[in-house]
Amino acid sequence: MKEIKATMAGTVLNVLTETGKSVSAGEMVLMLESMKMEIPVEAEAGGTVAEVKVNIGDFVNEDDVLILLED
């Protein structure tokens, strides 16, 4: 499985995908808010979303796993 991780600490502002959805490399899948800035999180590789591990409002740290992808 491939992991999509947080690039910095922040609060999950929006989840733009769901389990079972196919995503492409470079597609924005989640939005974080940190220091009053919105930070888009993109899929580094394509695949099918196996699990979304966070919810809107959750606080995440840098390198926390946000989404798991299957090939």
PDB file of N, CA and C in Angstrom:
ATOM      1  N   MET A   1       0.832  -1.190   0.000  1.00  0.00           N
ATOM      2  CA  MET A   1       0.000   0.000   0.000  1.00  0.00           C
ATOM      3  C   MET A   1       0.873   1.248   0.000  1.00  0.00           C
ATOM      4  N   LYS A   2       0.370   2.263  -0.653  1.00  0.00           N
ATOM      5  CA  LYS A   2       1.048   3.553  -0.670  1.00  0.00           C
ATOM      6  C   LYS A   2       0.418   4.440   0.397  1.00  0.00           C
ATOM      7  N   GLU A   3       1.229   5.305   0.986  1.00  0.00           N
ATOM      8  CA  GLU A   3       0.746   6.207   2.032  1.00  0.00           C
ATOM      9  C   GLU A   3       0.814   7.650   1.557  1.00  0.00           C
ATOM     10  N   ILE A   4      -0.235   8.402   1.842  1.00  0.00           N
ATOM     11  CA  ILE A   4      -0.204   9.848   1.649  1.00  0.00           C
ATOM     12  C   ILE A   4      -0.044  10.436   3.036  1.00  0.00           C
ATOM     13  N   LYS A   5       1.044  11.199   3.230  1.00  0.00           N
ATOM     14  CA  LYS A   5       1.378  11.714   4.553  1.00  0.00           C
ATOM     15  C   LYS A   5       1.253  13.231   4.602  1.00  0.00           C
ATOM     16  N   ALA A   6       1.091  13.740   5.818  1.00  0.00           N
ATOM     17  CA  ALA A   6       1.045  15.183   6.034  1.00  0.00           C
ATOM     18  C   ALA A   6       2.431  15.772   5.792  1.00  0.00           C
ATOM     19  N   THR A   7       2.484  16.866   5.060  1.00  0.00           N
ATOM     20  CA  THR A   7       3.752  17.531   4.776  1.00  0.00           C
ATOM     21  C   THR A   7       4.140  18.495   5.892  1.00  0.00           C
ATOM     22  N   MET A   8       3.179  18.833   6.739  1.00  0.00           N
ATOM     23  CA  MET A   8       3.439  19.686   7.895  1.00  0.00           C
ATOM     24  C   MET A   8       2.321  19.483   8.908  1.00  0.00           C
ATOM     25  N   ALA A   9       2.535  19.941  10.129  1.00  0.00           N
ATOM     26  CA  ALA A   9       1.503  19.832  11.160  1.00  0.00           C
ATOM     27  C   ALA A   9       0.377  20.811  10.850  1.00  0.00           C
ATOM     28  N   GLY A  10      -0.847  20.416  11.164  1.00  0.00           N
ATOM     29  CA  GLY A  10      -1.988  21.296  10.944  1.00  0.00           C
ATOM     30  C   GLY A  10      -3.293  20.587  11.231  1.00  0.00           C
ATOM     31  N   THR A  11      -4.373  21.278  10.945  1.00  0.00           N
ATOM     32  CA  THR A  11      -5.720  20.760  11.151  1.00  0.00           C
ATOM     33  C   THR A  11      -6.326  20.387   9.805  1.00  0.00           C
ATOM     34  N   VAL A  12      -6.994  19.236   9.746  1.00  0.00           N
ATOM     35  CA  VAL A  12      -7.647  18.806   8.509  1.00  0.00           C
ATOM     36  C   VAL A  12      -8.840  19.731   8.257  1.00  0.00           C
ATOM     37  N   LEU A  13      -8.762  20.468   7.158  1.00  0.00           N
ATOM     38  CA  LEU A  13      -9.795  21.434   6.800  1.00  0.00           C
ATOM     39  C   LEU A  13     -10.868  20.801   5.917  1.00  0.00           C
ATOM     40  N   ASN A  14     -10.434  19.903   5.009  1.00  0.00           N
ATOM     41  CA  ASN A  14     -11.374  19.277   4.080  1.00  0.00           C
ATOM     42  C   ASN A  14     -10.773  17.977   3.546  1.00  0.00           C
ATOM     43  N   VAL A  15     -11.602  16.957   3.409  1.00  0.00           N
ATOM     44  CA  VAL A  15     -11.198  15.689   2.797  1.00  0.00           C
ATOM     45  C   VAL A  15     -11.906  15.622   1.451  1.00  0.00           C
ATOM     46  N   LEU A  16     -11.131  15.516   0.376  1.00  0.00           N
ATOM     47  CA  LEU A  16     -11.682  15.628  -0.972  1.00  0.00           C
ATOM     48  C   LEU A  16     -11.815  14.288  -1.692  1.00  0.00           C
ATOM     49  N   THR A  17     -11.666  13.196  -0.955  1.00  0.00           N
ATOM     50  CA  THR A  17     -11.790  11.864  -1.547  1.00  0.00           C
ATOM     51  C   THR A  17     -12.469  10.945  -0.543  1.00  0.00           C
ATOM     52  N   GLU A  18     -12.715   9.709  -0.936  1.00  0.00           N
ATOM     53  CA  GLU A  18     -13.359   8.746  -0.039  1.00  0.00           C
ATOM     54  C   GLU A  18     -12.901   7.338  -0.394  1.00  0.00           C
ATOM     55  N   THR A  19     -13.127   6.415   0.508  1.00  0.00           N
ATOM     56  CA  THR A  19     -12.753   5.020   0.304  1.00  0.00           C
ATOM     57  C   THR A  19     -13.384   4.492  -0.987  1.00  0.00           C
ATOM     58  N   GLY A  20     -12.564   3.810  -1.789  1.00  0.00           N
ATOM     59  CA  GLY A  20     -13.040   3.225  -3.039  1.00  0.00           C
ATOM     60  C   GLY A  20     -12.853   4.113  -4.250  1.00  0.00           C
ATOM     61  N   LYS A  21     -12.559   5.394  -4.034  1.00  0.00           N
ATOM     62  CA  LYS A  21     -12.394   6.317  -5.156  1.00  0.00           C
ATOM     63  C   LYS A  21     -11.003   6.169  -5.760  1.00  0.00           C
ATOM     64  N   SER A  22     -10.920   6.261  -7.068  1.00  0.00           N
ATOM     65  CA  SER A  22      -9.647   6.218  -7.773  1.00  0.00           C
ATOM     66  C   SER A  22      -9.063   7.628  -7.827  1.00  0.00           C
ATOM     67  N   VAL A  23      -7.770   7.756  -7.514  1.00  0.00           N
ATOM     68  CA  VAL A  23      -7.100   9.056  -7.579  1.00  0.00           C
ATOM     69  C   VAL A  23      -5.879   8.953  -8.483  1.00  0.00           C
ATOM     70  N   SER A  24      -5.510  10.076  -9.079  1.00  0.00           N
ATOM     71  CA  SER A  24      -4.352  10.152  -9.966  1.00  0.00           C
ATOM     72  C   SER A  24      -3.200  10.849  -9.260  1.00  0.00           C
ATOM     73  N   ALA A  25      -1.992  10.579  -9.705  1.00  0.00           N
ATOM     74  CA  ALA A  25      -0.823  11.280  -9.177  1.00  0.00           C
ATOM     75  C   ALA A  25      -1.011  12.779  -9.399  1.00  0.00           C
ATOM     76  N   GLY A  26      -0.770  13.567  -8.367  1.00  0.00           N
ATOM     77  CA  GLY A  26      -0.913  15.012  -8.456  1.00  0.00           C
ATOM     78  C   GLY A  26      -2.296  15.531  -8.109  1.00  0.00           C
ATOM     79  N   GLU A  27      -3.260  14.629  -7.934  1.00  0.00           N
ATOM     80  CA  GLU A  27      -4.624  15.046  -7.591  1.00  0.00           C
ATOM     81  C   GLU A  27      -4.693  15.476  -6.126  1.00  0.00           C
ATOM     82  N   MET A  28      -5.354  16.609  -5.874  1.00  0.00           N
ATOM     83  CA  MET A  28      -5.508  17.083  -4.504  1.00  0.00           C
ATOM     84  C   MET A  28      -6.541  16.208  -3.796  1.00  0.00           C
ATOM     85  N   VAL A  29      -6.148  15.647  -2.636  1.00  0.00           N
ATOM     86  CA  VAL A  29      -7.024  14.720  -1.926  1.00  0.00           C
ATOM     87  C   VAL A  29      -7.464  15.238  -0.561  1.00  0.00           C
ATOM     88  N   LEU A  30      -6.781  16.275  -0.069  1.00  0.00           N
ATOM     89  CA  LEU A  30      -7.054  16.742   1.288  1.00  0.00           C
ATOM     90  C   LEU A  30      -6.528  18.163   1.423  1.00  0.00           C
ATOM     91  N   MET A  31      -7.139  18.949   2.309  1.00  0.00           N
ATOM     92  CA  MET A  31      -6.673  20.308   2.572  1.00  0.00           C
ATOM     93  C   MET A  31      -6.383  20.438   4.059  1.00  0.00           C
ATOM     94  N   LEU A  32      -5.170  20.898   4.381  1.00  0.00           N
ATOM     95  CA  LEU A  32      -4.786  21.174   5.763  1.00  0.00           C
ATOM     96  C   LEU A  32      -4.788  22.677   5.995  1.00  0.00           C
ATOM     97  N   GLU A  33      -4.964  23.068   7.243  1.00  0.00           N
ATOM     98  CA  GLU A  33      -4.817  24.470   7.625  1.00  0.00           C
ATOM     99  C   GLU A  33      -3.717  24.538   8.675  1.00  0.00           C
ATOM    100  N   SER A  34      -2.747  25.400   8.435  1.00  0.00           N
ATOM    101  CA  SER A  34      -1.642  25.577   9.371  1.00  0.00           C
ATOM    102  C   SER A  34      -1.232  27.040   9.356  1.00  0.00           C
ATOM    103  N   MET A  35      -1.141  27.640  10.520  1.00  0.00           N
ATOM    104  CA  MET A  35      -0.759  29.049  10.648  1.00  0.00           C
ATOM    105  C   MET A  35      -1.636  29.938   9.762  1.00  0.00           C
ATOM    106  N   LYS A  36      -2.940  29.647   9.740  1.00  0.00           N
ATOM    107  CA  LYS A  36      -3.948  30.391   8.977  1.00  0.00           C
ATOM    108  C   LYS A  36      -3.749  30.321   7.464  1.00  0.00           C
ATOM    109  N   MET A  37      -2.953  29.346   7.005  1.00  0.00           N
ATOM    110  CA  MET A  37      -2.766  29.117   5.576  1.00  0.00           C
ATOM    111  C   MET A  37      -3.382  27.775   5.213  1.00  0.00           C
ATOM    112  N   GLU A  38      -3.932  27.692   4.004  1.00  0.00           N
ATOM    113  CA  GLU A  38      -4.466  26.429   3.508  1.00  0.00           C
ATOM    114  C   GLU A  38      -3.378  25.717   2.710  1.00  0.00           C
ATOM    115  N   ILE A  39      -3.114  24.466   3.080  1.00  0.00           N
ATOM    116  CA  ILE A  39      -2.063  23.681   2.433  1.00  0.00           C
ATOM    117  C   ILE A  39      -2.689  22.478   1.737  1.00  0.00           C
ATOM    118  N   PRO A  40      -2.652  22.433   0.392  1.00  0.00           N
ATOM    119  CA  PRO A  40      -3.200  21.268  -0.308  1.00  0.00           C
ATOM    120  C   PRO A  40      -2.282  20.058  -0.154  1.00  0.00           C
ATOM    121  N   VAL A  41      -2.892  18.881  -0.032  1.00  0.00           N
ATOM    122  CA  VAL A  41      -2.140  17.623   0.022  1.00  0.00           C
ATOM    123  C   VAL A  41      -2.518  16.843  -1.230  1.00  0.00           C
ATOM    124  N   GLU A  42      -1.505  16.477  -2.014  1.00  0.00           N
ATOM    125  CA  GLU A  42      -1.734  15.775  -3.272  1.00  0.00           C
ATOM    126  C   GLU A  42      -1.260  14.328  -3.192  1.00  0.00           C
ATOM    127  N   ALA A  43      -1.900  13.485  -3.977  1.00  0.00           N
ATOM    128  CA  ALA A  43      -1.453  12.091  -4.099  1.00  0.00           C
ATOM    129  C   ALA A  43      -0.146  12.085  -4.879  1.00  0.00           C
ATOM    130  N   GLU A  44       0.870  11.425  -4.347  1.00  0.00           N
ATOM    131  CA  GLU A  44       2.156  11.339  -5.042  1.00  0.00           C
ATOM    132  C   GLU A  44       2.120  10.284  -6.139  1.00  0.00           C
ATOM    133  N   ALA A  45       1.183   9.340  -6.020  1.00  0.00           N
ATOM    134  CA  ALA A  45       1.026   8.277  -7.017  1.00  0.00           C
ATOM    135  C   ALA A  45      -0.462   7.981  -7.164  1.00  0.00           C
ATOM    136  N   GLY A  46      -0.826   7.371  -8.266  1.00  0.00           N
ATOM    137  CA  GLY A  46      -2.210   7.004  -8.480  1.00  0.00           C
ATOM    138  C   GLY A  46      -2.567   5.707  -7.771  1.00  0.00           C
ATOM    139  N   GLY A  47      -3.852   5.494  -7.578  1.00  0.00           N
ATOM    140  CA  GLY A  47      -4.331   4.271  -6.949  1.00  0.00           C
ATOM    141  C   GLY A  47      -5.764   4.430  -6.498  1.00  0.00           C
ATOM    142  N   THR A  48      -6.244   3.435  -5.770  1.00  0.00           N
ATOM    143  CA  THR A  48      -7.593   3.453  -5.217  1.00  0.00           C
ATOM    144  C   THR A  48      -7.494   3.676  -3.716  1.00  0.00           C
ATOM    145  N   VAL A  49      -8.320   4.574  -3.202  1.00  0.00           N
ATOM    146  CA  VAL A  49      -8.292   4.886  -1.772  1.00  0.00           C
ATOM    147  C   VAL A  49      -8.765   3.668  -0.986  1.00  0.00           C
ATOM    148  N   ALA A  50      -7.872   3.114  -0.156  1.00  0.00           N
ATOM    149  CA  ALA A  50      -8.206   1.963   0.684  1.00  0.00           C
ATOM    150  C   ALA A  50      -8.771   2.426   2.021  1.00  0.00           C
ATOM    151  N   GLU A  51      -8.223   3.534   2.544  1.00  0.00           N
ATOM    152  CA  GLU A  51      -8.682   4.030   3.844  1.00  0.00           C
ATOM    153  C   GLU A  51      -8.315   5.498   4.000  1.00  0.00           C
ATOM    154  N   VAL A  52      -9.277   6.284   4.479  1.00  0.00           N
ATOM    155  CA  VAL A  52      -9.018   7.664   4.884  1.00  0.00           C
ATOM    156  C   VAL A  52      -8.880   7.620   6.398  1.00  0.00           C
ATOM    157  N   LYS A  53      -7.695   7.943   6.910  1.00  0.00           N
ATOM    158  CA  LYS A  53      -7.390   7.761   8.325  1.00  0.00           C
ATOM    159  C   LYS A  53      -7.678   8.995   9.180  1.00  0.00           C
ATOM    160  N   VAL A  54      -8.149  10.089   8.573  1.00  0.00           N
ATOM    161  CA  VAL A  54      -8.413  11.320   9.320  1.00  0.00           C
ATOM    162  C   VAL A  54      -9.808  11.842   9.006  1.00  0.00           C
ATOM    163  N   ASN A  55     -10.282  12.719   9.870  1.00  0.00           N
ATOM    164  CA  ASN A  55     -11.573  13.379   9.686  1.00  0.00           C
ATOM    165  C   ASN A  55     -11.369  14.887   9.727  1.00  0.00           C
ATOM    166  N   ILE A  56     -12.323  15.622   9.184  1.00  0.00           N
ATOM    167  CA  ILE A  56     -12.282  17.081   9.255  1.00  0.00           C
ATOM    168  C   ILE A  56     -12.199  17.495  10.720  1.00  0.00           C
ATOM    169  N   GLY A  57     -11.275  18.417  11.004  1.00  0.00           N
ATOM    170  CA  GLY A  57     -11.094  18.910  12.366  1.00  0.00           C
ATOM    171  C   GLY A  57      -9.987  18.217  13.137  1.00  0.00           C
ATOM    172  N   ASP A  58      -9.497  17.074  12.631  1.00  0.00           N
ATOM    173  CA  ASP A  58      -8.400  16.363  13.302  1.00  0.00           C
ATOM    174  C   ASP A  58      -7.108  17.165  13.189  1.00  0.00           C
ATOM    175  N   PHE A  59      -6.299  17.157  14.252  1.00  0.00           N
ATOM    176  CA  PHE A  59      -4.960  17.741  14.195  1.00  0.00           C
ATOM    177  C   PHE A  59      -3.986  16.639  13.809  1.00  0.00           C
ATOM    178  N   VAL A  60      -3.111  16.929  12.851  1.00  0.00           N
ATOM    179  CA  VAL A  60      -2.109  15.953  12.415  1.00  0.00           C
ATOM    180  C   VAL A  60      -0.717  16.559  12.527  1.00  0.00           C
ATOM    181  N   ASN A  61       0.260  15.699  12.727  1.00  0.00           N
ATOM    182  CA  ASN A  61       1.659  16.114  12.765  1.00  0.00           C
ATOM    183  C   ASN A  61       2.327  15.796  11.439  1.00  0.00           C
ATOM    184  N   GLU A  62       3.453  16.441  11.170  1.00  0.00           N
ATOM    185  CA  GLU A  62       4.216  16.161   9.965  1.00  0.00           C
ATOM    186  C   GLU A  62       4.525  14.667   9.893  1.00  0.00           C
ATOM    187  N   ASP A  63       4.354  14.089   8.727  1.00  0.00           N
ATOM    188  CA  ASP A  63       4.592  12.670   8.423  1.00  0.00           C
ATOM    189  C   ASP A  63       3.522  11.718   8.948  1.00  0.00           C
ATOM    190  N   ASP A  64       2.436  12.215   9.553  1.00  0.00           N
ATOM    191  CA  ASP A  64       1.316  11.339   9.909  1.00  0.00           C
ATOM    192  C   ASP A  64       0.683  10.806   8.620  1.00  0.00           C
ATOM    193  N   VAL A  65       0.264   9.544   8.630  1.00  0.00           N
ATOM    194  CA  VAL A  65      -0.407   8.955   7.466  1.00  0.00           C
ATOM    195  C   VAL A  65      -1.851   9.450   7.435  1.00  0.00           C
ATOM    196  N   LEU A  66      -2.240  10.030   6.309  1.00  0.00           N
ATOM    197  CA  LEU A  66      -3.583  10.582   6.141  1.00  0.00           C
ATOM    198  C   LEU A  66      -4.492   9.631   5.371  1.00  0.00           C
ATOM    199  N   ILE A  67      -3.945   9.056   4.301  1.00  0.00           N
ATOM    200  CA  ILE A  67      -4.729   8.212   3.394  1.00  0.00           C
ATOM    201  C   ILE A  67      -3.859   7.040   2.935  1.00  0.00           C
ATOM    202  N   LEU A  68      -4.470   5.857   2.833  1.00  0.00           N
ATOM    203  CA  LEU A  68      -3.793   4.679   2.279  1.00  0.00           C
ATOM    204  C   LEU A  68      -4.353   4.398   0.890  1.00  0.00           C
ATOM    205  N   LEU A  69      -3.459   4.111  -0.056  1.00  0.00           N
ATOM    206  CA  LEU A  69      -3.852   3.791  -1.431  1.00  0.00           C
ATOM    207  C   LEU A  69      -3.454   2.369  -1.784  1.00  0.00           C
ATOM    208  N   GLU A  70      -4.326   1.692  -2.545  1.00  0.00           N
ATOM    209  CA  GLU A  70      -4.014   0.388  -3.136  1.00  0.00           C
ATOM    210  C   GLU A  70      -3.645   0.628  -4.591  1.00  0.00           C
ATOM    211  N   ASP A  71      -2.856  -0.292  -5.162  1.00  0.00           N
ATOM    212  CA  ASP A  71      -2.494  -0.181  -6.585  1.00  0.00           C
ATOM    213  C   ASP A  71      -3.679  -0.433  -7.469  1.00  0.00           C
TER     214      ASP A  71
END
